[in-house]
C-alpha atoms as a PDB file:
ATOM      1  CA  MET A   1     -24.883  32.201 -40.824  1.00  0.00           C
ATOM      2  CA  SER A   2     -25.653  34.783 -43.743  1.00  0.00           C
ATOM      3  CA  GLY A   3     -27.454  34.112 -46.756  1.00  0.00           C
ATOM      4  CA  ARG A   4     -24.785  33.966 -49.059  1.00  0.00           C
ATOM      5  CA  LEU A   5     -22.415  31.502 -46.460  1.00  0.00           C
ATOM      6  CA  THR A   6     -25.607  29.519 -46.591  1.00  0.00           C
ATOM      7  CA  VAL A   7     -25.673  29.312 -50.483  1.00  0.00           C
ATOM      8  CA  ALA A   8     -21.547  29.283 -50.439  1.00  0.00           C
ATOM      9  CA  PHE A   9     -21.702  26.264 -48.023  1.00  0.00           C
ATOM     10  CA  LEU A  10     -24.252  24.533 -50.129  1.00  0.00           C
ATOM     11  CA  VAL A  11     -22.381  24.972 -53.220  1.00  0.00           C
ATOM     12  CA  LEU A  12     -19.383  22.826 -51.562  1.00  0.00           C
ATOM     13  CA  VAL A  13     -21.270  20.616 -49.919  1.00  0.00           C
ATOM     14  CA  ALA A  14     -22.648  19.730 -53.373  1.00  0.00           C
ATOM     15  CA  VAL A  15     -19.479  19.827 -55.156  1.00  0.00           C
ATOM     16  CA  SER A  16     -18.098  17.332 -52.258  1.00  0.00           C
ATOM     17  CA  VAL A  17     -20.626  15.275 -52.669  1.00  0.00           C
ATOM     18  CA  GLY A  18     -20.361  14.591 -56.686  1.00  0.00           C
ATOM     19  CA  ALA A  19     -16.788  14.896 -56.116  1.00  0.00           C
ATOM     20  CA  PHE A  20     -17.022  11.779 -54.214  1.00  0.00           C
ATOM     21  CA  ALA A  21     -19.755  10.086 -56.399  1.00  0.00           C
ATOM     22  CA  ALA A  22     -17.533  10.845 -59.478  1.00  0.00           C
ATOM     23  CA  ALA A  23     -14.372   8.814 -57.630  1.00  0.00           C
ATOM     24  CA  GLY A  24     -16.648   6.151 -56.092  1.00  0.00           C
ATOM     25  CA  TRP A  25     -17.891   5.553 -59.913  1.00  0.00           C
ATOM     26  CA  ALA A  26     -14.510   5.670 -61.571  1.00  0.00           C
ATOM     27  CA  SER A  27     -13.647   3.238 -59.251  1.00  0.00           C
ATOM     28  CA  ARG A  28     -16.034   0.779 -60.379  1.00  0.00           C
ATOM     29  CA  THR A  29     -15.074   1.594 -64.077  1.00  0.00           C
ATOM     30  CA  PRO A  30     -12.989  -1.450 -65.350  1.00  0.00           C
ATOM     31  CA  HIS A  31     -10.322   0.788 -67.003  1.00  0.00           C
ATOM     32  CA  VAL A  32      -9.072   1.332 -63.507  1.00  0.00           C
ATOM     33  CA  HIS A  33      -8.990  -2.503 -62.387  1.00  0.00           C
ATOM     34  CA  ALA A  34      -6.893  -3.131 -65.620  1.00  0.00           C
ATOM     35  CA  ALA A  35      -4.946  -0.198 -64.574  1.00  0.00           C
ATOM     36  CA  ARG A  36      -4.427  -1.788 -60.967  1.00  0.00           C
ATOM     37  CA  MET A  37      -3.482  -4.939 -62.391  1.00  0.00           C
ATOM     38  CA  LEU A  38      -1.105  -3.627 -64.758  1.00  0.00           C
ATOM     39  CA  GLN A  39       0.611  -1.618 -61.725  1.00  0.00           C
ATOM     40  CA  ALA A  40       0.710  -4.892 -59.649  1.00  0.00           C
ATOM     41  CA  LEU A  41       2.662  -6.454 -62.707  1.00  0.00           C
ATOM     42  CA  ARG A  42       4.717  -3.125 -62.383  1.00  0.00           C
ATOM     43  CA  ASP A  43       5.425  -3.012 -59.268  1.00  0.00           C
ATOM     44  CA  GLY A  44       6.745  -7.115 -59.950  1.00  0.00           C
ATOM     45  CA  ASP A  45       4.167  -8.345 -57.436  1.00  0.00           C
ATOM     46  CA  THR A  46       2.053 -11.509 -59.244  1.00  0.00           C
ATOM     47  CA  GLU A  47       0.009 -12.489 -56.288  1.00  0.00           C
ATOM     48  CA  THR A  48      -1.857  -9.212 -56.518  1.00  0.00           C
ATOM     49  CA  ALA A  49      -1.942  -9.444 -59.928  1.00  0.00           C
ATOM     50  CA  LEU A  50      -3.543 -12.762 -59.840  1.00  0.00           C
ATOM     51  CA  GLY A  51      -5.955 -10.657 -57.950  1.00  0.00           C
ATOM     52  CA  TRP A  52      -7.924  -9.661 -60.987  1.00  0.00           C
ATOM     53  CA  VAL A  53      -7.367 -12.923 -62.935  1.00  0.00           C
ATOM     54  CA  ASP A  54      -9.334 -16.107 -62.918  1.00  0.00           C
ATOM     55  CA  VAL A  55      -7.155 -18.015 -63.507  1.00  0.00           C
ATOM     56  CA  PRO A  56      -9.402 -21.569 -64.260  1.00  0.00           C
ATOM     57  CA  ALA A  57     -11.918 -19.566 -65.968  1.00  0.00           C
ATOM     58  CA  VAL A  58      -9.988 -18.162 -68.542  1.00  0.00           C
ATOM     59  CA  ALA A  59      -7.546 -21.779 -69.104  1.00  0.00           C
ATOM     60  CA  ALA A  60     -11.194 -22.614 -69.319  1.00  0.00           C
ATOM     61  CA  SER A  61     -12.101 -20.669 -72.425  1.00  0.00           C
ATOM     62  CA  VAL A  62      -8.636 -21.436 -73.924  1.00  0.00           C
ATOM     63  CA  VAL A  63      -8.959 -25.060 -73.887  1.00  0.00           C
ATOM     64  CA  GLU A  64     -12.505 -24.923 -75.139  1.00  0.00           C
ATOM     65  CA  VAL A  65     -11.124 -22.981 -78.095  1.00  0.00           C
ATOM     66  CA  LEU A  66      -8.167 -25.479 -77.936  1.00  0.00           C
ATOM     67  CA  GLU A  67     -10.418 -28.195 -78.520  1.00  0.00           C
ATOM     68  CA  GLU A  68     -12.460 -26.989 -81.673  1.00  0.00           C
ATOM     69  CA  GLU A  69      -9.431 -25.590 -83.403  1.00  0.00           C
ATOM     70  CA  TRP A  70      -7.651 -29.281 -82.754  1.00  0.00           C
ATOM     71  CA  VAL A  71     -10.925 -30.978 -84.186  1.00  0.00           C
ATOM     72  CA  GLN A  72     -11.144 -28.817 -87.012  1.00  0.00           C
ATOM     73  CA  ALA A  73      -7.479 -29.207 -87.764  1.00  0.00           C
ATOM     74  CA  ARG A  74      -7.764 -33.546 -88.109  1.00  0.00           C
ATOM     75  CA  ALA A  75     -11.631 -33.764 -89.333  1.00  0.00           C
ATOM     76  CA  GLY A  76     -11.214 -31.046 -91.799  1.00  0.00           C
ATOM     77  CA  ASP A  77     -14.082 -28.874 -93.743  1.00  0.00           C
ATOM     78  CA  PRO A  78     -17.269 -30.776 -94.302  1.00  0.00           C
ATOM     79  CA  GLY A  79     -17.759 -29.330 -97.024  1.00  0.00           C
ATOM     80  CA  ARG A  80     -15.042 -30.990 -98.600  1.00  0.00           C
ATOM     81  CA  TYR A  81     -15.199 -34.344 -96.590  1.00  0.00           C
ATOM     82  CA  VAL A  82     -18.031 -36.591 -96.366  1.00  0.00           C
ATOM     83  CA  ALA A  83     -16.105 -38.645 -93.454  1.00  0.00           C
ATOM     84  CA  SER A  84     -15.840 -35.384 -91.470  1.00  0.00           C
ATOM     85  CA  PRO A  85     -19.274 -35.065 -89.067  1.00  0.00           C
ATOM     86  CA  LEU A  86     -18.737 -38.694 -88.259  1.00  0.00           C
ATOM     87  CA  VAL A  87     -15.017 -38.296 -87.152  1.00  0.00           C
ATOM     88  CA  ARG A  88     -15.848 -35.029 -85.297  1.00  0.00           C
ATOM     89  CA  PRO A  89     -17.482 -36.871 -82.284  1.00  0.00           C
ATOM     90  CA  LEU A  90     -15.000 -39.634 -82.002  1.00  0.00           C
ATOM     91  CA  LEU A  91     -11.904 -36.739 -81.976  1.00  0.00           C
ATOM     92  CA  ARG A  92     -14.052 -34.601 -79.355  1.00  0.00           C
ATOM     93  CA  GLY A  93     -14.275 -38.362 -77.184  1.00  0.00           C
ATOM     94  CA  VAL A  94     -10.530 -38.208 -77.412  1.00  0.00           C
ATOM     95  CA  PHE A  95      -9.795 -34.409 -76.322  1.00  0.00           C
ATOM     96  CA  GLY A  96     -11.910 -34.986 -73.967  1.00  0.00           C
ATOM     97  CA  LEU A  97      -9.404 -37.646 -72.109  1.00  0.00           C
ATOM     98  CA  ALA A  98      -6.922 -35.254 -72.005  1.00  0.00           C
ATOM     99  CA  ARG A  99      -9.332 -32.241 -71.195  1.00  0.00           C
ATOM    100  CA  GLY A 100      -8.236 -32.158 -67.413  1.00  0.00           C
ATOM    101  CA  GLN A 101      -4.429 -32.592 -68.001  1.00  0.00           C
ATOM    102  CA  VAL A 102      -4.683 -29.888 -71.288  1.00  0.00           C
ATOM    103  CA  GLN A 103      -6.899 -27.416 -68.468  1.00  0.00           C
ATOM    104  CA  ARG A 104      -4.072 -28.005 -65.400  1.00  0.00           C
ATOM    105  CA  ARG A 105      -1.136 -27.151 -68.278  1.00  0.00           C
ATOM    106  CA  VAL A 106      -2.987 -24.205 -69.760  1.00  0.00           C
ATOM    107  CA  GLU A 107      -3.498 -22.547 -65.950  1.00  0.00           C
ATOM    108  CA  GLU A 108      -0.326 -23.380 -65.269  1.00  0.00           C
ATOM    109  CA  GLU A 109       1.395 -21.573 -68.532  1.00  0.00           C
ATOM    110  CA  LEU A 110      -1.254 -18.811 -67.324  1.00  0.00           C
ATOM    111  CA  ARG A 111       0.225 -17.900 -64.034  1.00  0.00           C
ATOM    112  CA  THR A 112       3.892 -18.688 -65.014  1.00  0.00           C
ATOM    113  CA  LEU A 113       3.694 -15.944 -68.175  1.00  0.00           C
ATOM    114  CA  LEU A 114       2.151 -13.285 -65.632  1.00  0.00           C
ATOM    115  CA  ARG A 115       5.111 -14.379 -62.954  1.00  0.00           C
ATOM    116  CA  ARG A 116       7.634 -13.958 -65.853  1.00  0.00           C
ATOM    117  CA  VAL A 117       5.991 -10.108 -67.118  1.00  0.00           C
ATOM    118  CA  ALA A 118       6.052  -9.020 -63.546  1.00  0.00           C
ATOM    119  CA  GLU A 119       9.636 -10.505 -62.714  1.00  0.00           C
ATOM    120  CA  GLY A 120      10.813  -8.529 -66.413  1.00  0.00           C
ATOM    121  CA  ARG A 121      12.231 -11.831 -67.051  1.00  0.00           C
ATOM    122  CA  PRO A 122      13.878 -11.860 -70.677  1.00  0.00           C
ATOM    123  CA  ASP A 123      11.748 -14.295 -71.866  1.00  0.00           C
ATOM    124  CA  ALA A 124       8.860 -12.430 -71.172  1.00  0.00           C
ATOM    125  CA  PRO A 125       6.552 -11.539 -73.942  1.00  0.00           C
ATOM    126  CA  VAL A 126       6.575  -7.892 -73.272  1.00  0.00           C
ATOM    127  CA  GLN A 127       8.845  -5.858 -70.931  1.00  0.00           C
ATOM    128  CA  LEU A 128       6.851  -3.459 -68.565  1.00  0.00           C
ATOM    129  CA  PRO A 129       8.569   0.035 -68.039  1.00  0.00           C
ATOM    130  CA  ARG A 130       9.036   0.385 -64.067  1.00  0.00           C
ATOM    131  CA  TRP A 131       9.102   4.149 -63.711  1.00  0.00           C
ATOM    132  CA  GLY A 132       6.026   6.107 -62.632  1.00  0.00           C
ATOM    133  CA  GLY A 133       3.430   5.043 -60.241  1.00  0.00           C
ATOM    134  CA  PHE A 134      -0.643   4.083 -60.449  1.00  0.00           C
ATOM    135  CA  PRO A 135      -1.271   7.320 -62.974  1.00  0.00           C
ATOM    136  CA  VAL A 136       0.988   6.189 -65.211  1.00  0.00           C
ATOM    137  CA  SER A 137      -0.640   2.540 -65.455  1.00  0.00           C
ATOM    138  CA  LEU A 138      -4.011   4.459 -65.877  1.00  0.00           C
ATOM    139  CA  ALA A 139      -2.644   6.484 -68.288  1.00  0.00           C
ATOM    140  CA  ALA A 140      -1.557   3.507 -70.737  1.00  0.00           C
ATOM    141  CA  VAL A 141      -5.431   1.707 -69.921  1.00  0.00           C
ATOM    142  CA  LEU A 142      -6.667   4.629 -71.316  1.00  0.00           C
ATOM    143  CA  TRP A 143      -4.644   5.580 -74.139  1.00  0.00           C
ATOM    144  CA  PHE A 144      -3.840   1.574 -75.574  1.00  0.00           C
ATOM    145  CA  VAL A 145      -6.773  -0.371 -74.410  1.00  0.00           C
ATOM    146  CA  ASP A 146     -10.322  -0.305 -75.947  1.00  0.00           C
ATOM    147  CA  VAL A 147     -13.538  -1.382 -74.022  1.00  0.00           C
ATOM    148  CA  GLN A 148     -16.695  -2.768 -75.394  1.00  0.00           C
ATOM    149  CA  TRP A 149     -19.031  -3.771 -73.265  1.00  0.00           C
ATOM    150  CA  LEU A 150     -20.987  -6.706 -73.810  1.00  0.00           C
ATOM    151  CA  SER A 151     -23.280  -6.484 -70.674  1.00  0.00           C
ATOM    152  CA  PRO A 152     -23.827  -4.315 -67.429  1.00  0.00           C
ATOM    153  CA  ASP A 153     -21.239  -6.226 -65.555  1.00  0.00           C
ATOM    154  CA  ARG A 154     -19.041  -7.761 -68.829  1.00  0.00           C
ATOM    155  CA  VAL A 155     -16.915  -5.931 -70.934  1.00  0.00           C
ATOM    156  CA  ARG A 156     -13.976  -7.407 -73.894  1.00  0.00           C
ATOM    157  CA  LEU A 157     -10.666  -5.524 -73.801  1.00  0.00           C
ATOM    158  CA  SER A 158      -8.866  -5.007 -76.602  1.00  0.00           C
ATOM    159  CA  ALA A 159      -4.956  -3.801 -76.806  1.00  0.00           C
ATOM    160  CA  GLY A 160      -3.504  -2.668 -79.790  1.00  0.00           C
ATOM    161  CA  PRO A 161      -4.311  -2.107 -83.237  1.00  0.00           C
ATOM    162  CA  ALA A 162      -7.887  -3.424 -84.287  1.00  0.00           C
ATOM    163  CA  GLU A 163      -7.282  -5.801 -86.741  1.00  0.00           C
ATOM    164  CA  ARG A 164      -4.409  -7.662 -84.752  1.00  0.00           C
ATOM    165  CA  PRO A 165      -4.616  -6.640 -81.265  1.00  0.00           C
ATOM    166  CA  TRP A 166      -1.789  -7.698 -78.811  1.00  0.00           C
ATOM    167  CA  LEU A 167      -4.396  -8.944 -76.306  1.00  0.00           C
ATOM    168  CA  ARG A 168      -7.806  -9.332 -76.008  1.00  0.00           C
ATOM    169  CA  VAL A 169      -9.968 -10.644 -73.435  1.00  0.00           C
ATOM    170  CA  GLU A 170     -13.301 -10.251 -71.494  1.00  0.00           C
ATOM    171  CA  MET A 171     -13.593  -9.374 -67.649  1.00  0.00           C
ATOM    172  CA  ALA A 172     -16.680  -9.371 -65.119  1.00  0.00           C
ATOM    173  CA  TRP A 173     -17.608  -7.408 -62.040  1.00  0.00           C
ATOM    174  CA  ARG A 174     -16.889  -9.848 -59.213  1.00  0.00           C
ATOM    175  CA  THR A 175     -18.717  -8.224 -55.711  1.00  0.00           C
ATOM    176  CA  ASP A 176     -15.937  -5.739 -55.639  1.00  0.00           C
ATOM    177  CA  ARG A 177     -13.926  -5.445 -59.132  1.00  0.00           C
ATOM    178  CA  TRP A 178     -13.336  -6.195 -62.374  1.00  0.00           C
ATOM    179  CA  VAL A 179     -11.302  -9.776 -63.289  1.00  0.00           C
ATOM    180  CA  VAL A 180     -10.377 -11.255 -66.255  1.00  0.00           C
ATOM    181  CA  VAL A 181     -12.801 -14.326 -66.620  1.00  0.00           C
ATOM    182  CA  ALA A 182     -12.201 -15.253 -70.755  1.00  0.00           C
ATOM    183  CA  ALA A 183      -9.850 -15.364 -73.541  1.00  0.00           C
ATOM    184  CA  ASP A 184     -11.553 -14.246 -76.421  1.00  0.00           C
ATOM    185  CA  ARG A 185     -12.369 -16.770 -78.844  1.00  0.00           C
ATOM    186  CA  GLU A 186     -11.103 -15.350 -81.983  1.00  0.00           C
ATOM    187  CA  TRP A 187      -8.379 -13.569 -80.650  1.00  0.00           C
ATOM    188  CA  VAL A 188      -7.016 -17.210 -79.445  1.00  0.00           C
ATOM    189  CA  ALA A 189      -7.867 -18.899 -82.371  1.00  0.00           C
ATOM    190  CA  ALA A 190      -6.030 -16.541 -84.226  1.00  0.00           C
ATOM    191  CA  LEU A 191      -2.962 -17.837 -82.302  1.00  0.00           C
ATOM    192  CA  VAL A 192      -3.283 -21.162 -82.146  1.00  0.00           C
ATOM    193  CA  ARG A 193      -4.586 -21.894 -85.812  1.00  0.00           C
ATOM    194  CA  PRO A 194      -0.935 -21.567 -87.188  1.00  0.00           C
ATOM    195  CA  ARG A 195       0.061 -23.848 -85.187  1.00  0.00           C
ATOM    196  CA  LEU A 196      -1.990 -26.837 -85.828  1.00  0.00           C
ATOM    197  CA  VAL A 197      -1.543 -28.996 -89.198  1.00  0.00           C
ATOM    198  CA  ARG A 198      -4.738 -29.043 -91.504  1.00  0.00           C
ATOM    199  CA  PRO A 199      -5.330 -31.881 -93.423  1.00  0.00           C
ATOM    200  CA  GLU A 200      -5.852 -29.792 -96.690  1.00  0.00           C
ATOM    201  CA  ALA A 201      -4.548 -32.312 -99.253  1.00  0.00           C
ATOM    202  CA  SER A 202      -5.982 -35.267 -97.719  1.00  0.00           C
ATOM    203  CA  PRO A 203      -9.381 -36.245 -96.320  1.00  0.00           C
ATOM    204  CA  PRO A 204      -9.777 -37.935 -92.504  1.00  0.00           C
ATOM    205  CA  GLY A 205      -8.617 -40.944 -91.960  1.00  0.00           C
ATOM    206  CA  SER A 206      -5.961 -40.863 -94.986  1.00  0.00           C
ATOM    207  CA  PRO A 207      -2.156 -41.299 -93.464  1.00  0.00           C
ATOM    208  CA  GLU A 208      -0.445 -38.080 -92.638  1.00  0.00           C
ATOM    209  CA  PRO A 209       2.754 -37.597 -94.601  1.00  0.00           C
END
């Protein structure tokens, strides 16, 4: 083999190895896995999409916020109501009695929500376009989703405007893929807080109107 052919061959090998390494690295990014989940939803494949969601873990993160907001709504602000610190442990105990049932209900709602989105039902919170394949899904994730690294194996994904995101979740690396493992606390709280009646006008223990 001549010198020029040897150099050309070595360059080709280097480029091939680099391309292979880059492809391997890209396949491990949260963007790619989020896009694969999105593509499964656009294909109407709920079960495949659920492979990128740890439903019990996500539900647990939601239930934790629900408990905090529920207690806060009924105990009131400790700075305004003297009895608030005394009432909080009692309210947490009451919520704890129903935590298992609430957890199961949230898990069921999460699966139902993904199924409605995948099937394109009229009551789904979003209607996903069905045209185009995986490149369209990847382009959508790269364009609309912001990724914040929390640690080497955990990220926060936010979709939509920074001040009022449509969705904000956390993903963690699990064996061979990035999996949604939690809903962002502040995002969930902002959704549920307006639905809870806060005792602003009366201290804890006072009859509610």
